Amino acid sequence: MTVTDPAPAATPPDAAGEPAVLLLRLAGPLQAWGYHVTANNRRDTHSEPTKSGVIGLLAAAMGRDRDEPLGDLLDLRLGVRVDVPGTLLRDYHTVSDYRGRPLPQSGVSAKGVQRPTQPAKYTHVTSRYYLQDATFLAALAGPRDLLERLDAAVRAPAFPLALGRRSCPPTQPLALGLREGELARVIREEPWLASKRARTQHAARIGRERGVNRPVYTATTDVSVTVETPEGDDELRDAPVSFDPHARRFTTRRVCREWWEIPTGFPKAVLEPDPDPDPHPVPDPDADPAAHDDAGHDPFALLDR
């Protein structure tokens, strides 16, 4: 199915409500976009940002409390492009009472007292899942005046921003500004957001897949795209209605999923390599060793220093 945007209504070009698209770069060492409701001992993550997570980030940037109505944010249309999918990380936890007592039950008695577990349980195991080293392009379509206020809020947020969970701060730049045009076209035309390391690893992977003993720099790359559209053939239940802790509600939205081919932006020098390369090249002692590391990046490596 080809993603197309509905024809915009006739609007004066200088009107504040003229349609526009706000672009966000969602990248960081860790991200976690909750989607499925799971037990307390397991917290999953979706493979890409959810609408509830992105709207929550925008609401925090504007300084809205959880119990405030979302109002004008509900009608924004979201598109997500997966520039770097990242890898899945499992964070293993154990919980116990330092006094050696059995852990309490999750429920309480009529007097509001938690009873010990039966049989006695001294250790509780929990798992938290994250995406590590992922990069996404999130695009939101809506009235220009609203998107301009959101762009300014993201650049100077009222509350700390997070990529799904509060333990996942974003890297900069986060706000990429406003663009003109239809949502699908803006997503397709925005340059690839992969970092230098991710581009190097991409070229090394393509080289391995093609059976050559060198990196292969391609002019384009395939990316997964999810665009919100009334004609979508898939359905996601991640559109927020209320973030009130006592009355959290979500609804469904229609989306279309596709694979698009976008330019990589590699320079011509690497796109057209020497047709007769040296079969035994001499390593450059000044080269960055990290540029040749295909094993992946450990986001916690700096914590060991």
Protein backbone atom coordinates (compact mmCIF):
# COMPACT_ATOMS: atom_id res chain seq x y z
CA MET A 1 0.00 0.00 0.00
CA THR A 2 1.38 3.39 -0.97
CA VAL A 3 1.21 6.06 1.73
CA THR A 4 -0.49 9.23 0.57
CA ASP A 5 -1.69 12.17 2.60
CA PRO A 6 -5.24 13.48 2.33
CA ALA A 7 -5.47 16.68 0.32
CA PRO A 8 -5.08 19.65 2.69
CA ALA A 9 -7.88 22.15 2.93
CA ALA A 10 -7.44 25.46 1.13
CA THR A 11 -5.64 27.73 3.59
CA PRO A 12 -4.07 31.15 3.07
CA PRO A 13 -0.27 30.73 2.87
CA ASP A 14 0.29 33.14 5.74
CA ALA A 15 -2.31 31.60 8.06
CA ALA A 16 -1.14 30.42 11.47
CA GLY A 17 -3.07 27.18 11.06
CA GLU A 18 -1.34 26.20 7.82
CA PRO A 19 -0.35 22.50 7.88
CA ALA A 20 3.30 21.76 8.57
CA VAL A 21 5.48 18.90 9.83
CA LEU A 22 7.66 18.94 12.96
CA LEU A 23 10.69 16.64 12.89
CA LEU A 24 12.30 15.07 15.95
CA ARG A 25 15.49 13.02 16.12
CA LEU A 26 14.95 10.34 18.77
CA ALA A 27 18.35 8.89 19.61
CA GLY A 28 20.23 7.93 22.75
CA PRO A 29 22.17 5.13 24.45
CA LEU A 30 18.89 3.59 25.63
CA GLN A 31 15.23 3.88 24.67
CA ALA A 32 12.14 2.05 25.92
CA TRP A 33 8.73 2.48 24.29
CA GLY A 34 6.13 0.56 26.27
CA TYR A 35 3.31 -0.92 24.23
CA HIS A 36 1.88 -4.16 25.58
CA VAL A 37 0.53 -4.32 29.12
CA THR A 38 2.73 -6.79 30.98
CA ALA A 39 3.16 -8.03 34.53
CA ASN A 40 5.07 -5.92 37.05
CA ASN A 41 8.11 -8.18 36.81
CA ARG A 42 8.53 -7.63 33.04
CA ARG A 43 8.68 -4.35 31.10
CA ASP A 44 8.88 -4.76 27.34
CA THR A 45 9.70 -2.20 24.67
CA HIS A 46 8.25 -1.70 21.21
CA SER A 47 10.67 -1.78 18.27
CA GLU A 48 9.99 1.90 17.49
CA PRO A 49 8.58 4.98 19.25
CA THR A 50 4.89 4.83 20.09
CA LYS A 51 2.47 7.73 19.70
CA SER A 52 1.80 7.78 23.44
CA GLY A 53 5.55 8.08 24.09
CA VAL A 54 6.06 10.91 21.58
CA ILE A 55 2.96 12.82 22.75
CA GLY A 56 4.12 12.35 26.35
CA LEU A 57 7.51 13.83 25.47
CA LEU A 58 5.83 16.85 23.86
CA ALA A 59 3.47 17.32 26.80
CA ALA A 60 6.43 17.26 29.21
CA ALA A 61 8.27 19.81 27.09
CA MET A 62 5.26 22.14 27.30
CA GLY A 63 5.03 21.71 31.08
CA ARG A 64 1.68 19.92 31.16
CA ASP A 65 0.85 17.84 34.22
CA ARG A 66 -0.27 14.25 33.82
CA ASP A 67 -3.87 15.02 34.77
CA GLU A 68 -4.20 17.89 32.27
CA PRO A 69 -6.22 17.27 29.10
CA LEU A 70 -4.06 16.57 26.06
CA GLY A 71 -6.40 18.63 23.88
CA ASP A 72 -4.69 19.88 20.74
CA LEU A 73 -1.98 17.20 20.86
CA LEU A 74 -4.44 14.40 20.17
CA ASP A 75 -5.04 15.37 16.54
CA LEU A 76 -1.38 15.34 15.51
CA ARG A 77 -0.52 12.64 12.94
CA LEU A 78 2.68 10.69 13.57
CA GLY A 79 5.14 9.10 11.20
CA VAL A 80 8.24 7.16 12.34
CA ARG A 81 11.26 6.19 10.24
CA VAL A 82 13.70 3.64 11.64
CA ASP A 83 17.11 4.91 10.56
CA VAL A 84 19.08 2.70 12.99
CA PRO A 85 17.02 -0.10 14.62
CA GLY A 86 19.48 -0.68 17.46
CA THR A 87 19.67 -3.89 19.46
CA LEU A 88 17.59 -5.28 22.30
CA LEU A 89 19.03 -5.09 25.82
CA ARG A 90 17.68 -7.04 28.80
CA ASP A 91 18.31 -5.44 32.20
CA TYR A 92 18.11 -8.17 34.86
CA HIS A 93 17.05 -7.17 38.40
CA THR A 94 16.64 -8.97 41.70
CA VAL A 95 14.78 -7.46 44.66
CA SER A 96 15.06 -8.60 48.28
CA ASP A 97 14.67 -7.23 51.80
CA TYR A 98 18.05 -6.38 53.34
CA ARG A 99 16.73 -7.56 56.72
CA GLY A 100 16.25 -11.08 55.40
CA ARG A 101 12.47 -10.98 55.70
CA PRO A 102 10.05 -12.52 53.17
CA LEU A 103 8.82 -10.13 50.53
CA PRO A 104 5.27 -8.80 50.98
CA GLN A 105 2.38 -9.70 48.71
CA SER A 106 1.27 -7.19 46.08
CA GLY A 107 -2.24 -7.01 47.56
CA VAL A 108 -3.26 -5.57 50.94
CA SER A 109 -5.67 -6.69 53.63
CA ALA A 110 -8.85 -4.85 54.63
CA LYS A 111 -6.71 -2.91 57.10
CA GLY A 112 -4.32 -1.84 54.38
CA VAL A 113 -1.50 -4.13 55.55
CA GLN A 114 0.67 -6.14 53.16
CA ARG A 115 1.08 -9.73 54.26
CA PRO A 116 4.21 -11.85 53.64
CA THR A 117 4.23 -14.07 50.60
CA GLN A 118 3.00 -17.66 51.10
CA PRO A 119 5.12 -19.68 50.69
CA ALA A 120 7.79 -17.23 51.75
CA LYS A 121 9.54 -15.56 48.82
CA TYR A 122 12.85 -13.83 49.54
CA THR A 123 13.87 -12.74 46.03
CA HIS A 124 11.84 -11.13 43.28
CA VAL A 125 13.22 -11.26 39.72
CA THR A 126 12.34 -8.50 37.24
CA SER A 127 13.39 -7.81 33.65
CA ARG A 128 13.48 -4.47 31.85
CA TYR A 129 14.00 -4.36 28.08
CA TYR A 130 15.55 -1.45 26.18
CA LEU A 131 16.65 -0.53 22.67
CA GLN A 132 20.31 0.45 22.64
CA ASP A 133 22.00 2.75 20.09
CA ALA A 134 18.83 3.22 18.03
CA THR A 135 18.00 6.31 15.98
CA PHE A 136 14.52 7.27 14.79
CA LEU A 137 13.04 10.12 12.80
CA ALA A 138 9.65 11.10 14.24
CA ALA A 139 7.46 13.44 12.17
CA LEU A 140 4.29 15.11 13.44
CA ALA A 141 1.82 16.78 11.09
CA GLY A 142 -0.54 19.47 12.31
CA PRO A 143 -1.28 23.21 12.44
CA ARG A 144 1.83 25.36 12.02
CA ASP A 145 1.17 27.57 15.07
CA LEU A 146 0.94 24.52 17.36
CA LEU A 147 4.05 22.90 15.88
CA GLU A 148 6.03 26.13 16.26
CA ARG A 149 5.18 26.19 19.96
CA LEU A 150 6.11 22.52 20.30
CA ASP A 151 9.43 23.09 18.51
CA ALA A 152 10.28 25.92 20.91
CA ALA A 153 9.22 23.82 23.91
CA VAL A 154 11.39 20.85 22.91
CA ARG A 155 14.40 23.16 22.62
CA ALA A 156 13.74 24.62 26.11
CA PRO A 157 11.59 21.99 27.91
CA ALA A 158 9.70 22.68 31.12
CA PHE A 159 10.28 19.13 32.40
CA PRO A 160 13.16 16.74 31.67
CA LEU A 161 12.56 14.78 28.47
CA ALA A 162 12.97 11.03 28.07
CA LEU A 163 12.82 8.43 25.34
CA GLY A 164 9.97 6.40 26.78
CA ARG A 165 11.25 5.95 30.35
CA ARG A 166 12.72 8.58 32.62
CA SER A 167 16.02 6.68 32.74
CA CYS A 168 16.48 7.20 28.97
CA PRO A 169 17.52 10.80 28.20
CA PRO A 170 17.82 11.81 24.53
CA THR A 171 20.98 12.98 22.81
CA GLN A 172 21.13 16.23 20.87
CA PRO A 173 19.93 17.50 18.51
CA LEU A 174 16.39 16.49 19.40
CA ALA A 175 14.37 19.09 17.50
CA LEU A 176 15.10 19.32 13.76
CA GLY A 177 12.64 22.12 13.03
CA LEU A 178 9.58 22.43 10.79
CA ARG A 179 9.21 21.34 7.19
CA GLU A 180 6.67 22.15 4.49
CA GLY A 181 4.80 19.45 2.60
CA GLU A 182 2.89 16.26 3.14
CA LEU A 183 3.85 13.99 6.04
CA ALA A 184 4.95 11.03 3.89
CA ARG A 185 7.01 13.19 1.51
CA VAL A 186 8.77 15.02 4.35
CA ILE A 187 9.76 11.71 5.94
CA ARG A 188 11.07 10.38 2.64
CA GLU A 189 13.14 13.49 1.81
CA GLU A 190 14.83 13.98 5.19
CA PRO A 191 18.51 12.87 5.12
CA TRP A 192 19.54 9.63 6.81
CA LEU A 193 20.19 10.29 10.52
CA ALA A 194 22.64 7.45 11.17
CA SER A 195 25.75 8.42 13.16
CA LYS A 196 29.28 8.10 11.78
CA ARG A 197 29.78 4.83 13.66
CA ALA A 198 26.45 3.45 12.44
CA ARG A 199 27.32 4.37 8.84
CA THR A 200 30.68 2.60 9.15
CA GLN A 201 29.06 -0.51 10.59
CA HIS A 202 26.41 -0.39 7.86
CA ALA A 203 29.09 -0.40 5.15
CA ALA A 204 30.94 -3.28 6.85
CA ARG A 205 27.74 -5.32 7.10
CA ILE A 206 26.90 -4.77 3.42
CA GLY A 207 30.44 -5.89 2.54
CA ARG A 208 30.05 -9.11 4.53
CA GLU A 209 26.64 -9.80 2.98
CA ARG A 210 28.13 -9.41 -0.53
CA GLY A 211 31.10 -11.64 0.28
CA VAL A 212 33.82 -9.02 -0.25
CA ASN A 213 36.63 -8.33 2.18
CA ARG A 214 36.00 -4.62 2.49
CA PRO A 215 33.25 -2.14 3.42
CA VAL A 216 30.70 -1.43 0.69
CA TYR A 217 29.21 2.05 0.65
CA THR A 218 25.82 2.10 -1.07
CA ALA A 219 24.06 5.19 -2.42
CA THR A 220 20.77 4.18 -0.76
CA THR A 221 19.56 2.09 2.14
CA ASP A 222 16.22 0.51 3.06
CA VAL A 223 14.42 1.78 6.15
CA SER A 224 11.20 0.76 7.86
CA VAL A 225 8.52 3.47 7.97
CA THR A 226 5.23 3.65 9.88
CA VAL A 227 2.87 6.46 8.87
CA GLU A 228 -0.44 7.27 10.53
CA THR A 229 -3.18 7.50 7.91
CA PRO A 230 -6.95 6.84 7.91
CA GLU A 231 -6.43 4.46 4.97
CA GLY A 232 -3.85 2.37 6.85
CA ASP A 233 -4.10 -1.42 6.72
CA ASP A 234 -2.74 -1.95 10.24
CA GLU A 235 -3.92 -0.85 13.66
CA LEU A 236 -1.99 0.21 16.77
CA ARG A 237 -3.44 0.80 20.21
CA ASP A 238 -0.97 3.45 21.34
CA ALA A 239 -2.85 6.73 20.84
CA PRO A 240 -3.23 8.42 24.25
CA VAL A 241 -6.55 9.77 25.50
CA SER A 242 -5.44 10.61 29.05
CA PHE A 243 -2.19 10.32 31.03
CA ASP A 244 -3.99 10.77 34.36
CA PRO A 245 -2.47 8.13 36.71
CA HIS A 246 -5.97 7.30 37.98
CA ALA A 247 -7.61 7.16 34.54
CA ARG A 248 -5.04 6.29 31.89
CA ARG A 249 -6.73 5.56 28.58
CA PHE A 250 -5.58 4.75 25.06
CA THR A 251 -7.31 4.26 21.76
CA THR A 252 -6.42 2.81 18.36
CA ARG A 253 -5.13 4.50 15.21
CA ARG A 254 -4.72 3.31 11.63
CA VAL A 255 -1.19 3.11 10.23
CA CYS A 256 0.58 1.91 7.11
CA ARG A 257 3.94 0.10 7.32
CA GLU A 258 6.35 0.11 4.40
CA TRP A 259 10.01 -0.19 3.47
CA TRP A 260 11.42 2.86 1.73
CA GLU A 261 14.71 3.44 -0.04
CA ILE A 262 16.44 6.66 1.05
CA PRO A 263 19.84 8.18 0.15
CA THR A 264 22.72 7.38 2.51
CA GLY A 265 24.62 10.58 1.79
CA PHE A 266 27.99 8.83 1.39
CA PRO A 267 30.48 10.94 -0.63
CA LYS A 268 31.18 10.01 -4.23
CA ALA A 269 34.73 8.95 -3.34
CA VAL A 270 33.50 5.97 -1.32
CA LEU A 271 30.54 5.20 -3.58
CA GLU A 272 32.97 4.65 -6.47
CA PRO A 273 35.97 2.83 -4.93
CA ASP A 274 39.20 1.90 -6.70
CA PRO A 275 38.28 -0.91 -9.16
CA ASP A 276 41.67 -2.55 -8.55
CA PRO A 277 42.31 -2.24 -4.81
CA ASP A 278 45.43 -3.48 -3.09
CA PRO A 279 44.68 -7.08 -1.99
CA HIS A 280 47.02 -6.63 0.99
CA PRO A 281 46.48 -3.08 2.27
CA VAL A 282 48.72 -1.71 5.02
CA PRO A 283 46.72 -0.62 8.08
CA ASP A 284 46.77 3.11 8.81
CA PRO A 285 48.27 3.58 12.32
CA ASP A 286 46.44 6.89 12.68
CA ALA A 287 43.04 5.47 11.82
CA ASP A 288 40.34 5.47 14.46
CA PRO A 289 40.12 1.85 15.71
CA ALA A 290 36.49 2.40 16.61
CA ALA A 291 35.72 2.97 12.93
CA HIS A 292 36.62 -0.67 12.22
CA ASP A 293 34.82 -2.18 15.19
CA ASP A 294 31.97 -4.32 13.90
CA ALA A 295 31.16 -5.87 17.27
CA GLY A 296 28.70 -3.11 18.19
CA HIS A 297 28.74 -0.40 20.79
CA ASP A 298 28.33 -0.96 24.52
CA PRO A 299 26.39 2.07 25.86
CA PHE A 300 27.66 1.33 29.39
CA ALA A 301 31.35 1.25 28.42
CA LEU A 302 32.02 4.76 29.74
CA LEU A 303 30.72 3.79 33.18
CA ASP A 304 33.71 1.46 33.65
CA ARG A 305 36.27 4.23 33.30
